[in-house]
């Protein structure tokens, strides 16, 4: 029955409404001018995110955790585990870029990862605890970086784009806020907050 509800919900929604569900804070935009002035804000987003996320989802039951945040979207459980997977890649990309000259990173199939048993069924506390340790390590690394370090780049294998670590940090700051908003908006729509 729940699956049919989502089908009807998506049929009744305009493309603008569906877009807002996909991008509740808008698409990621990197400031072309004075990007470095946002560095402390982006660091703080990375530092505060694990506890903020845990506070948002810690009281959800299994039914709530297994509810998609939008029609044809991942469940809350999958989102939490996706964040752990994605941010693992981010930290590794930082380390490669700091130790190699413009490395070619490895992409991964995030949709396939989200369908694996750990993403679909594992308790979210596993990824919440992991994110705390991962982000603490990541922030420690970031705090030791120089301005020149943030200008170092890696290459993406699919797009060929060269991405600086400053832009990467901005992307993951956005990524934290983006998925947090997915969950928060679902909880508000369902009156679960």
N, C-alpha and C. Protein backbone atom coordinates (compact mmCIF):
# COMPACT_ATOMS: atom_id res chain seq x y z
N UNK A 1 0.82 -1.20 0.00
CA UNK A 1 0.00 0.00 0.00
C UNK A 1 0.86 1.26 0.00
N UNK A 2 1.93 1.23 0.81
CA UNK A 2 2.80 2.40 0.90
C UNK A 2 3.39 2.75 -0.46
N UNK A 3 3.79 1.74 -1.23
CA UNK A 3 4.37 1.98 -2.55
C UNK A 3 3.36 2.68 -3.46
N UNK A 4 2.11 2.24 -3.43
CA UNK A 4 1.07 2.86 -4.25
C UNK A 4 0.83 4.31 -3.84
N UNK A 5 0.90 4.58 -2.53
CA UNK A 5 0.73 5.96 -2.07
C UNK A 5 1.79 6.86 -2.71
N UNK A 6 3.03 6.36 -2.80
CA UNK A 6 4.10 7.17 -3.39
C UNK A 6 3.87 7.40 -4.87
N UNK A 7 3.31 6.39 -5.56
CA UNK A 7 3.02 6.54 -6.98
C UNK A 7 1.98 7.64 -7.17
N UNK A 8 0.90 7.58 -6.38
CA UNK A 8 -0.14 8.61 -6.50
C UNK A 8 0.39 9.98 -6.10
N UNK A 9 1.21 10.02 -5.05
CA UNK A 9 1.79 11.28 -4.61
C UNK A 9 2.62 11.89 -5.73
N UNK A 10 3.44 11.08 -6.40
CA UNK A 10 4.30 11.63 -7.45
C UNK A 10 3.48 12.07 -8.66
N UNK A 11 2.34 11.39 -8.94
CA UNK A 11 1.50 11.79 -10.06
C UNK A 11 0.82 13.13 -9.81
N UNK A 12 0.53 13.40 -8.54
CA UNK A 12 -0.15 14.64 -8.18
C UNK A 12 0.80 15.82 -8.07
N UNK A 13 2.09 15.60 -8.10
CA UNK A 13 3.06 16.66 -7.88
C UNK A 13 3.51 17.27 -9.20
N UNK A 14 3.74 18.56 -9.16
CA UNK A 14 4.29 19.23 -10.34
C UNK A 14 5.79 18.96 -10.40
N UNK A 15 6.38 19.23 -11.55
CA UNK A 15 7.83 19.02 -11.67
C UNK A 15 8.58 19.97 -10.73
N UNK A 16 8.04 21.16 -10.48
CA UNK A 16 8.67 22.10 -9.55
C UNK A 16 8.64 21.55 -8.12
N UNK A 17 7.52 20.93 -7.73
CA UNK A 17 7.42 20.36 -6.39
C UNK A 17 8.39 19.19 -6.23
N UNK A 18 8.49 18.35 -7.26
CA UNK A 18 9.44 17.24 -7.21
C UNK A 18 10.88 17.75 -7.15
N UNK A 19 11.17 18.80 -7.90
CA UNK A 19 12.52 19.38 -7.88
C UNK A 19 12.85 19.92 -6.49
N UNK A 20 11.87 20.53 -5.83
CA UNK A 20 12.08 21.05 -4.47
C UNK A 20 12.33 19.91 -3.49
N UNK A 21 11.66 18.78 -3.69
CA UNK A 21 11.92 17.62 -2.83
C UNK A 21 13.33 17.07 -3.08
N UNK A 22 13.80 17.12 -4.32
CA UNK A 22 15.15 16.63 -4.64
C UNK A 22 16.22 17.59 -4.12
N UNK A 23 15.98 18.89 -4.25
CA UNK A 23 16.98 19.90 -3.88
C UNK A 23 16.37 20.93 -2.93
N UNK A 24 16.09 20.54 -1.69
CA UNK A 24 15.41 21.44 -0.77
C UNK A 24 16.21 22.70 -0.42
N UNK A 25 17.53 22.65 -0.55
CA UNK A 25 18.33 23.86 -0.29
C UNK A 25 18.93 24.40 -1.59
N UNK A 26 18.46 23.88 -2.71
CA UNK A 26 19.00 24.28 -4.01
C UNK A 26 20.20 23.43 -4.39
N UNK A 27 20.59 23.54 -5.64
CA UNK A 27 21.76 22.80 -6.12
C UNK A 27 23.03 23.47 -5.61
N UNK A 28 24.08 22.68 -5.51
CA UNK A 28 25.36 23.18 -5.00
C UNK A 28 25.89 24.26 -5.93
N UNK A 29 26.27 25.39 -5.35
CA UNK A 29 26.87 26.48 -6.12
C UNK A 29 28.15 26.92 -5.40
N UNK A 30 29.24 26.86 -6.13
CA UNK A 30 30.53 27.27 -5.57
C UNK A 30 30.77 28.73 -5.91
N UNK A 31 31.02 29.56 -4.92
CA UNK A 31 31.26 30.98 -5.20
C UNK A 31 32.56 31.17 -5.97
N UNK A 32 32.49 31.79 -7.11
CA UNK A 32 33.69 31.99 -7.95
C UNK A 32 34.61 33.07 -7.38
N UNK A 33 34.05 34.00 -6.66
CA UNK A 33 34.84 35.08 -6.05
C UNK A 33 34.91 34.87 -4.54
N UNK A 34 36.06 35.05 -3.96
CA UNK A 34 36.26 35.02 -2.52
C UNK A 34 35.76 33.74 -1.85
N UNK A 35 35.95 32.61 -2.50
CA UNK A 35 35.49 31.34 -1.95
C UNK A 35 36.15 31.06 -0.60
N UNK A 36 37.40 31.46 -0.46
CA UNK A 36 38.12 31.22 0.79
C UNK A 36 37.49 31.86 2.01
N UNK A 37 36.69 32.87 1.81
CA UNK A 37 36.05 33.53 2.95
C UNK A 37 34.99 32.64 3.61
N UNK A 38 34.61 31.57 2.93
CA UNK A 38 33.61 30.64 3.47
C UNK A 38 34.25 29.45 4.18
N UNK A 39 35.57 29.41 4.21
CA UNK A 39 36.30 28.25 4.71
C UNK A 39 35.85 27.85 6.13
N UNK A 40 35.79 28.81 7.04
CA UNK A 40 35.42 28.49 8.43
C UNK A 40 33.99 27.96 8.52
N UNK A 41 33.10 28.52 7.75
CA UNK A 41 31.70 28.07 7.72
C UNK A 41 31.63 26.62 7.23
N UNK A 42 32.38 26.30 6.17
CA UNK A 42 32.36 24.94 5.62
C UNK A 42 32.97 23.95 6.60
N UNK A 43 34.07 24.35 7.26
CA UNK A 43 34.68 23.49 8.28
C UNK A 43 33.68 23.20 9.40
N UNK A 44 32.97 24.23 9.84
CA UNK A 44 32.00 24.08 10.92
C UNK A 44 30.87 23.14 10.51
N UNK A 45 30.43 23.23 9.27
CA UNK A 45 29.40 22.30 8.78
C UNK A 45 29.88 20.86 8.90
N UNK A 46 31.12 20.61 8.51
CA UNK A 46 31.68 19.26 8.58
C UNK A 46 31.82 18.81 10.03
N UNK A 47 32.27 19.71 10.89
CA UNK A 47 32.49 19.37 12.30
C UNK A 47 31.18 19.08 13.03
N UNK A 48 30.17 19.88 12.79
CA UNK A 48 28.91 19.77 13.55
C UNK A 48 27.94 18.72 13.01
N UNK A 49 28.13 18.33 11.76
CA UNK A 49 27.12 17.50 11.10
C UNK A 49 26.79 16.18 11.78
N UNK A 50 27.77 15.36 12.18
CA UNK A 50 27.40 14.05 12.74
C UNK A 50 26.45 14.13 13.93
N UNK A 51 26.71 15.05 14.86
CA UNK A 51 25.83 15.17 16.02
C UNK A 51 24.47 15.73 15.63
N UNK A 52 24.47 16.67 14.72
CA UNK A 52 23.22 17.25 14.24
C UNK A 52 22.35 16.17 13.58
N UNK A 53 22.97 15.33 12.75
CA UNK A 53 22.24 14.25 12.09
C UNK A 53 21.71 13.26 13.11
N UNK A 54 22.55 12.88 14.06
CA UNK A 54 22.10 11.93 15.07
C UNK A 54 20.90 12.49 15.85
N UNK A 55 20.96 13.75 16.22
CA UNK A 55 19.84 14.37 16.94
C UNK A 55 18.55 14.32 16.12
N UNK A 56 18.69 14.43 14.80
CA UNK A 56 17.51 14.42 13.93
C UNK A 56 16.87 13.04 13.82
N UNK A 57 17.68 11.98 13.78
CA UNK A 57 17.13 10.65 13.47
C UNK A 57 17.09 9.69 14.66
N UNK A 58 17.66 10.04 15.79
CA UNK A 58 17.84 9.07 16.88
C UNK A 58 16.54 8.49 17.43
N UNK A 59 15.45 9.22 17.34
CA UNK A 59 14.19 8.74 17.91
C UNK A 59 13.25 8.14 16.87
N UNK A 60 13.72 7.97 15.64
CA UNK A 60 12.86 7.41 14.61
C UNK A 60 12.75 5.89 14.77
N UNK A 61 11.55 5.37 14.52
CA UNK A 61 11.37 3.92 14.58
C UNK A 61 11.69 3.31 13.21
N UNK A 62 11.58 1.99 13.12
CA UNK A 62 11.95 1.30 11.88
C UNK A 62 11.09 1.74 10.70
N UNK A 63 9.80 1.92 10.92
CA UNK A 63 8.91 2.34 9.84
C UNK A 63 9.33 3.73 9.32
N UNK A 64 9.64 4.63 10.23
CA UNK A 64 10.07 5.97 9.84
C UNK A 64 11.41 5.93 9.11
N UNK A 65 12.34 5.13 9.63
CA UNK A 65 13.66 5.01 8.98
C UNK A 65 13.56 4.41 7.58
N UNK A 66 12.54 3.59 7.37
CA UNK A 66 12.38 2.94 6.07
C UNK A 66 11.39 3.65 5.17
N UNK A 67 11.14 4.92 5.46
CA UNK A 67 10.27 5.76 4.63
C UNK A 67 11.13 6.58 3.67
N UNK A 68 10.81 6.54 2.37
CA UNK A 68 11.56 7.38 1.42
C UNK A 68 11.31 8.87 1.69
N UNK A 69 12.34 9.66 1.51
CA UNK A 69 12.20 11.10 1.75
C UNK A 69 11.42 11.80 0.64
N UNK A 70 11.28 11.13 -0.51
CA UNK A 70 10.49 11.65 -1.63
C UNK A 70 10.10 10.47 -2.51
N UNK A 71 9.12 10.66 -3.41
CA UNK A 71 8.77 9.57 -4.32
C UNK A 71 10.01 9.14 -5.12
N UNK A 72 10.22 7.85 -5.20
CA UNK A 72 11.37 7.26 -5.90
C UNK A 72 12.71 7.65 -5.29
N UNK A 73 12.69 8.08 -4.04
CA UNK A 73 13.93 8.45 -3.36
C UNK A 73 14.36 7.38 -2.38
N UNK A 74 15.54 7.57 -1.82
CA UNK A 74 16.05 6.66 -0.81
C UNK A 74 15.26 6.81 0.48
N UNK A 75 15.34 5.78 1.31
CA UNK A 75 14.75 5.87 2.64
C UNK A 75 15.69 6.67 3.54
N UNK A 76 15.18 7.06 4.70
CA UNK A 76 16.03 7.76 5.67
C UNK A 76 17.22 6.87 6.02
N UNK A 77 16.97 5.58 6.22
CA UNK A 77 18.06 4.64 6.55
C UNK A 77 19.13 4.66 5.45
N UNK A 78 18.71 4.58 4.20
CA UNK A 78 19.66 4.60 3.09
C UNK A 78 20.43 5.92 3.04
N UNK A 79 19.75 7.02 3.33
CA UNK A 79 20.44 8.32 3.34
C UNK A 79 21.54 8.36 4.38
N UNK A 80 21.24 7.88 5.59
CA UNK A 80 22.25 7.90 6.66
C UNK A 80 23.45 7.06 6.25
N UNK A 81 23.20 5.87 5.72
CA UNK A 81 24.31 5.01 5.31
C UNK A 81 25.04 5.60 4.08
N UNK A 82 24.29 6.25 3.19
CA UNK A 82 24.92 6.92 2.04
C UNK A 82 25.90 8.00 2.52
N UNK A 83 25.50 8.75 3.53
CA UNK A 83 26.38 9.80 4.04
C UNK A 83 27.70 9.22 4.53
N UNK A 84 27.64 8.09 5.21
CA UNK A 84 28.87 7.44 5.68
C UNK A 84 29.73 6.99 4.49
N UNK A 85 29.09 6.39 3.49
CA UNK A 85 29.84 5.93 2.32
C UNK A 85 30.46 7.11 1.57
N UNK A 86 29.65 8.12 1.30
CA UNK A 86 30.10 9.27 0.53
C UNK A 86 31.22 10.02 1.23
N UNK A 87 31.08 10.22 2.53
CA UNK A 87 32.07 11.01 3.25
C UNK A 87 33.37 10.24 3.46
N UNK A 88 33.28 8.91 3.43
CA UNK A 88 34.51 8.10 3.41
C UNK A 88 35.30 8.41 2.15
N UNK A 89 34.60 8.44 1.03
CA UNK A 89 35.26 8.78 -0.24
C UNK A 89 35.85 10.18 -0.18
N UNK A 90 35.14 11.11 0.44
CA UNK A 90 35.64 12.48 0.52
C UNK A 90 36.97 12.55 1.27
N UNK A 91 37.02 11.90 2.43
CA UNK A 91 38.26 11.93 3.21
C UNK A 91 39.41 11.31 2.42
N UNK A 92 39.17 10.19 1.76
CA UNK A 92 40.21 9.55 0.95
C UNK A 92 40.65 10.47 -0.19
N UNK A 93 39.70 11.17 -0.81
CA UNK A 93 40.04 12.10 -1.89
C UNK A 93 40.93 13.22 -1.36
N UNK A 94 40.65 13.72 -0.16
CA UNK A 94 41.51 14.73 0.46
C UNK A 94 42.92 14.17 0.63
N UNK A 95 43.02 12.96 1.16
CA UNK A 95 44.34 12.39 1.43
C UNK A 95 45.12 12.11 0.15
N UNK A 96 44.44 11.58 -0.87
CA UNK A 96 45.12 11.39 -2.15
C UNK A 96 45.65 12.71 -2.69
N UNK A 97 44.83 13.73 -2.63
CA UNK A 97 45.19 15.03 -3.22
C UNK A 97 46.32 15.69 -2.44
N UNK A 98 46.38 15.47 -1.14
CA UNK A 98 47.45 16.05 -0.34
C UNK A 98 48.77 15.29 -0.48
N UNK A 99 48.71 14.06 -1.00
CA UNK A 99 49.93 13.26 -1.08
C UNK A 99 50.34 12.91 -2.51
N UNK A 100 49.51 13.27 -3.49
CA UNK A 100 49.82 12.99 -4.89
C UNK A 100 49.58 14.27 -5.70
N UNK A 101 50.17 14.33 -6.88
CA UNK A 101 50.00 15.49 -7.74
C UNK A 101 48.80 15.31 -8.65
N UNK A 102 47.73 16.06 -8.39
CA UNK A 102 46.50 16.05 -9.20
C UNK A 102 46.04 14.62 -9.52
N UNK A 103 45.78 13.81 -8.48
CA UNK A 103 45.44 12.41 -8.73
C UNK A 103 44.09 12.24 -9.44
N UNK A 104 43.98 11.14 -10.16
CA UNK A 104 42.71 10.72 -10.74
C UNK A 104 42.02 9.89 -9.66
N UNK A 105 40.88 10.38 -9.17
CA UNK A 105 40.19 9.66 -8.10
C UNK A 105 39.36 8.52 -8.67
N UNK A 106 38.86 7.68 -7.80
CA UNK A 106 37.96 6.61 -8.21
C UNK A 106 36.54 7.05 -7.90
N UNK A 107 35.68 6.96 -8.90
CA UNK A 107 34.26 7.21 -8.69
C UNK A 107 33.62 5.93 -8.16
N UNK A 108 32.42 6.04 -7.64
CA UNK A 108 31.70 4.85 -7.19
C UNK A 108 30.23 5.01 -7.54
N UNK A 109 29.52 3.92 -7.63
CA UNK A 109 28.11 3.91 -7.98
C UNK A 109 27.29 4.04 -6.71
N UNK A 110 26.94 5.28 -6.35
CA UNK A 110 26.25 5.50 -5.08
C UNK A 110 24.88 4.83 -5.05
N UNK A 111 24.21 4.73 -6.19
CA UNK A 111 22.90 4.05 -6.23
C UNK A 111 23.07 2.56 -5.93
N UNK A 112 24.09 1.94 -6.48
CA UNK A 112 24.34 0.52 -6.20
C UNK A 112 24.73 0.33 -4.74
N UNK A 113 25.55 1.23 -4.20
CA UNK A 113 25.92 1.15 -2.79
C UNK A 113 24.67 1.21 -1.91
N UNK A 114 23.71 2.07 -2.27
CA UNK A 114 22.50 2.27 -1.46
C UNK A 114 21.58 1.05 -1.48
N UNK A 115 21.81 0.15 -2.43
CA UNK A 115 20.98 -1.06 -2.51
C UNK A 115 21.63 -2.26 -1.79
N UNK A 116 22.85 -2.09 -1.32
CA UNK A 116 23.52 -3.19 -0.62
C UNK A 116 22.85 -3.44 0.74
N UNK A 117 22.99 -4.65 1.28
CA UNK A 117 22.29 -5.00 2.52
C UNK A 117 22.57 -4.06 3.70
N UNK A 118 23.81 -3.58 3.83
CA UNK A 118 24.09 -2.68 4.95
C UNK A 118 23.32 -1.38 4.82
N UNK A 119 23.16 -0.87 3.61
CA UNK A 119 22.44 0.39 3.40
C UNK A 119 20.93 0.22 3.57
N UNK A 120 20.42 -0.93 3.22
CA UNK A 120 18.97 -1.15 3.29
C UNK A 120 18.49 -1.64 4.65
N UNK A 121 19.36 -2.33 5.40
CA UNK A 121 18.87 -3.00 6.61
C UNK A 121 19.64 -2.71 7.90
N UNK A 122 20.87 -2.27 7.81
CA UNK A 122 21.68 -2.11 9.02
C UNK A 122 21.13 -1.01 9.92
N UNK A 123 21.32 -1.15 11.22
CA UNK A 123 20.91 -0.07 12.12
C UNK A 123 21.66 1.23 11.76
N UNK A 124 20.95 2.34 11.80
CA UNK A 124 21.59 3.62 11.44
C UNK A 124 22.65 4.02 12.44
N UNK A 125 22.58 3.50 13.66
CA UNK A 125 23.56 3.89 14.67
C UNK A 125 24.98 3.52 14.25
N UNK A 126 25.11 2.46 13.46
CA UNK A 126 26.44 2.08 12.96
C UNK A 126 27.04 3.24 12.17
N UNK A 127 26.28 3.78 11.23
CA UNK A 127 26.80 4.89 10.41
C UNK A 127 26.87 6.19 11.19
N UNK A 128 25.97 6.39 12.14
CA UNK A 128 26.04 7.61 12.96
C UNK A 128 27.33 7.63 13.78
N UNK A 129 27.66 6.50 14.39
CA UNK A 129 28.91 6.41 15.16
C UNK A 129 30.12 6.56 14.24
N UNK A 130 30.06 5.92 13.10
CA UNK A 130 31.15 5.99 12.12
C UNK A 130 31.36 7.43 11.65
N UNK A 131 30.26 8.14 11.37
CA UNK A 131 30.38 9.53 10.91
C UNK A 131 31.03 10.42 11.96
N UNK A 132 30.77 10.17 13.23
CA UNK A 132 31.42 10.96 14.29
C UNK A 132 32.93 10.80 14.23
N UNK A 133 33.39 9.57 14.13
CA UNK A 133 34.84 9.32 14.06
C UNK A 133 35.42 9.84 12.75
N UNK A 134 34.75 9.55 11.65
CA UNK A 134 35.23 9.98 10.34
C UNK A 134 35.35 11.50 10.26
N UNK A 135 34.31 12.22 10.69
CA UNK A 135 34.34 13.68 10.62
C UNK A 135 35.37 14.27 11.58
N UNK A 136 35.56 13.65 12.74
CA UNK A 136 36.59 14.14 13.67
C UNK A 136 37.97 14.03 13.02
N UNK A 137 38.23 12.92 12.36
CA UNK A 137 39.51 12.73 11.66
C UNK A 137 39.64 13.71 10.50
N UNK A 138 38.56 13.91 9.76
CA UNK A 138 38.54 14.82 8.61
C UNK A 138 38.79 16.25 9.06
N UNK A 139 38.11 16.68 10.11
CA UNK A 139 38.30 18.04 10.61
C UNK A 139 39.73 18.24 11.11
N UNK A 140 40.27 17.24 11.79
CA UNK A 140 41.66 17.34 12.25
C UNK A 140 42.59 17.55 11.06
N UNK A 141 42.37 16.81 9.99
CA UNK A 141 43.17 16.97 8.77
C UNK A 141 43.00 18.37 8.20
N UNK A 142 41.77 18.82 8.07
CA UNK A 142 41.48 20.14 7.49
C UNK A 142 42.13 21.26 8.29
N UNK A 143 42.07 21.13 9.61
CA UNK A 143 42.65 22.17 10.48
C UNK A 143 44.16 22.32 10.26
N UNK A 144 44.80 21.27 9.82
CA UNK A 144 46.26 21.32 9.58
C UNK A 144 46.63 21.73 8.16
N UNK A 145 45.65 21.99 7.33
CA UNK A 145 45.93 22.33 5.94
C UNK A 145 46.28 23.81 5.77
N UNK A 146 47.14 24.09 4.81
CA UNK A 146 47.51 25.46 4.49
C UNK A 146 46.60 25.98 3.37
N UNK A 147 46.70 27.26 3.11
CA UNK A 147 45.94 27.86 2.00
C UNK A 147 46.33 27.19 0.68
N UNK A 148 47.63 26.91 0.53
CA UNK A 148 48.10 26.24 -0.69
C UNK A 148 47.53 24.83 -0.81
N UNK A 149 47.38 24.15 0.32
CA UNK A 149 46.80 22.80 0.30
C UNK A 149 45.38 22.83 -0.27
N UNK A 150 44.61 23.84 0.11
CA UNK A 150 43.23 23.93 -0.37
C UNK A 150 43.14 24.20 -1.87
N UNK A 151 44.24 24.65 -2.48
CA UNK A 151 44.25 24.90 -3.92
C UNK A 151 44.65 23.66 -4.72
N UNK A 152 45.15 22.63 -4.03
CA UNK A 152 45.52 21.39 -4.71
C UNK A 152 44.28 20.76 -5.31
N UNK A 153 44.46 20.05 -6.42
CA UNK A 153 43.32 19.51 -7.15
C UNK A 153 43.42 18.01 -7.38
N UNK A 154 42.24 17.42 -7.60
CA UNK A 154 42.16 16.05 -8.09
C UNK A 154 41.31 16.08 -9.36
N UNK A 155 41.41 15.00 -10.14
CA UNK A 155 40.63 14.88 -11.38
C UNK A 155 39.54 13.84 -11.19
N UNK A 156 38.35 14.18 -11.67
CA UNK A 156 37.24 13.23 -11.61
C UNK A 156 37.25 12.37 -12.87
N UNK A 157 37.15 11.04 -12.73
CA UNK A 157 37.29 10.17 -13.90
C UNK A 157 36.13 10.26 -14.90
N UNK A 158 34.95 10.63 -14.44
CA UNK A 158 33.80 10.68 -15.35
C UNK A 158 33.69 12.01 -16.08
N UNK A 159 33.84 13.11 -15.33
CA UNK A 159 33.69 14.44 -15.96
C UNK A 159 35.01 14.99 -16.47
N UNK A 160 36.13 14.50 -15.93
CA UNK A 160 37.43 15.04 -16.28
C UNK A 160 37.74 16.36 -15.57
N UNK A 161 36.80 16.83 -14.78
CA UNK A 161 36.97 18.11 -14.08
C UNK A 161 38.09 18.03 -13.05
N UNK A 162 38.82 19.14 -12.93
CA UNK A 162 39.80 19.28 -11.86
C UNK A 162 39.11 20.03 -10.72
N UNK A 163 39.11 19.44 -9.56
CA UNK A 163 38.39 19.99 -8.41
C UNK A 163 39.38 20.28 -7.30
N UNK A 164 39.38 21.51 -6.83
CA UNK A 164 40.27 21.88 -5.73
C UNK A 164 39.71 21.34 -4.41
N UNK A 165 40.59 21.20 -3.43
CA UNK A 165 40.13 20.75 -2.12
C UNK A 165 39.23 21.78 -1.48
N UNK A 166 39.39 23.06 -1.81
CA UNK A 166 38.47 24.08 -1.29
C UNK A 166 37.07 23.85 -1.85
N UNK A 167 36.99 23.58 -3.15
CA UNK A 167 35.68 23.30 -3.76
C UNK A 167 35.12 21.99 -3.23
N UNK A 168 35.97 21.00 -3.02
CA UNK A 168 35.52 19.73 -2.48
C UNK A 168 34.93 19.92 -1.09
N UNK A 169 35.58 20.74 -0.27
CA UNK A 169 35.05 21.03 1.06
C UNK A 169 33.69 21.72 0.96
N UNK A 170 33.56 22.65 0.04
CA UNK A 170 32.28 23.33 -0.17
C UNK A 170 31.21 22.33 -0.60
N UNK A 171 31.58 21.40 -1.48
CA UNK A 171 30.63 20.39 -1.96
C UNK A 171 30.12 19.53 -0.81
N UNK A 172 31.01 19.13 0.08
CA UNK A 172 30.59 18.26 1.17
C UNK A 172 29.89 19.02 2.29
N UNK A 173 30.18 20.29 2.46
CA UNK A 173 29.39 21.13 3.36
C UNK A 173 27.95 21.16 2.84
N UNK A 174 27.82 21.40 1.53
CA UNK A 174 26.49 21.39 0.91
C UNK A 174 25.85 20.01 1.04
N UNK A 175 26.62 18.97 0.82
CA UNK A 175 26.12 17.60 0.88
C UNK A 175 25.52 17.30 2.25
N UNK A 176 26.18 17.74 3.31
CA UNK A 176 25.64 17.56 4.67
C UNK A 176 24.29 18.26 4.80
N UNK A 177 24.25 19.51 4.42
CA UNK A 177 23.03 20.30 4.57
C UNK A 177 21.91 19.80 3.65
N UNK A 178 22.27 19.34 2.46
CA UNK A 178 21.34 18.84 1.46
C UNK A 178 20.58 17.61 1.98
N UNK A 179 21.31 16.61 2.47
CA UNK A 179 20.65 15.40 2.94
C UNK A 179 19.98 15.60 4.30
N UNK A 180 20.54 16.47 5.12
CA UNK A 180 19.86 16.82 6.38
C UNK A 180 18.48 17.41 6.07
N UNK A 181 18.43 18.29 5.08
CA UNK A 181 17.15 18.92 4.70
C UNK A 181 16.18 17.89 4.14
N UNK A 182 16.68 16.90 3.40
CA UNK A 182 15.79 15.83 2.91
C UNK A 182 15.05 15.18 4.07
N UNK A 183 15.82 14.80 5.09
CA UNK A 183 15.24 14.11 6.24
C UNK A 183 14.35 15.05 7.04
N UNK A 184 14.85 16.24 7.31
CA UNK A 184 14.07 17.20 8.11
C UNK A 184 12.74 17.54 7.44
N UNK A 185 12.74 17.75 6.15
CA UNK A 185 11.50 18.08 5.45
C UNK A 185 10.51 16.92 5.49
N UNK A 186 11.02 15.68 5.35
CA UNK A 186 10.14 14.51 5.49
C UNK A 186 9.51 14.48 6.87
N UNK A 187 10.32 14.67 7.89
CA UNK A 187 9.80 14.60 9.27
C UNK A 187 8.76 15.69 9.52
N UNK A 188 8.99 16.86 8.97
CA UNK A 188 8.01 17.94 9.12
C UNK A 188 6.72 17.64 8.36
N UNK A 189 6.85 17.14 7.12
CA UNK A 189 5.65 16.81 6.32
C UNK A 189 4.82 15.74 7.00
N UNK A 190 5.48 14.79 7.64
CA UNK A 190 4.76 13.69 8.30
C UNK A 190 4.38 14.03 9.74
N UNK A 191 4.77 15.20 10.21
CA UNK A 191 4.54 15.62 11.60
C UNK A 191 5.21 14.66 12.59
N UNK A 192 6.46 14.28 12.27
CA UNK A 192 7.24 13.39 13.11
C UNK A 192 8.26 14.16 13.95
N UNK A 193 8.19 15.47 13.94
CA UNK A 193 9.14 16.27 14.74
C UNK A 193 8.40 16.94 15.86
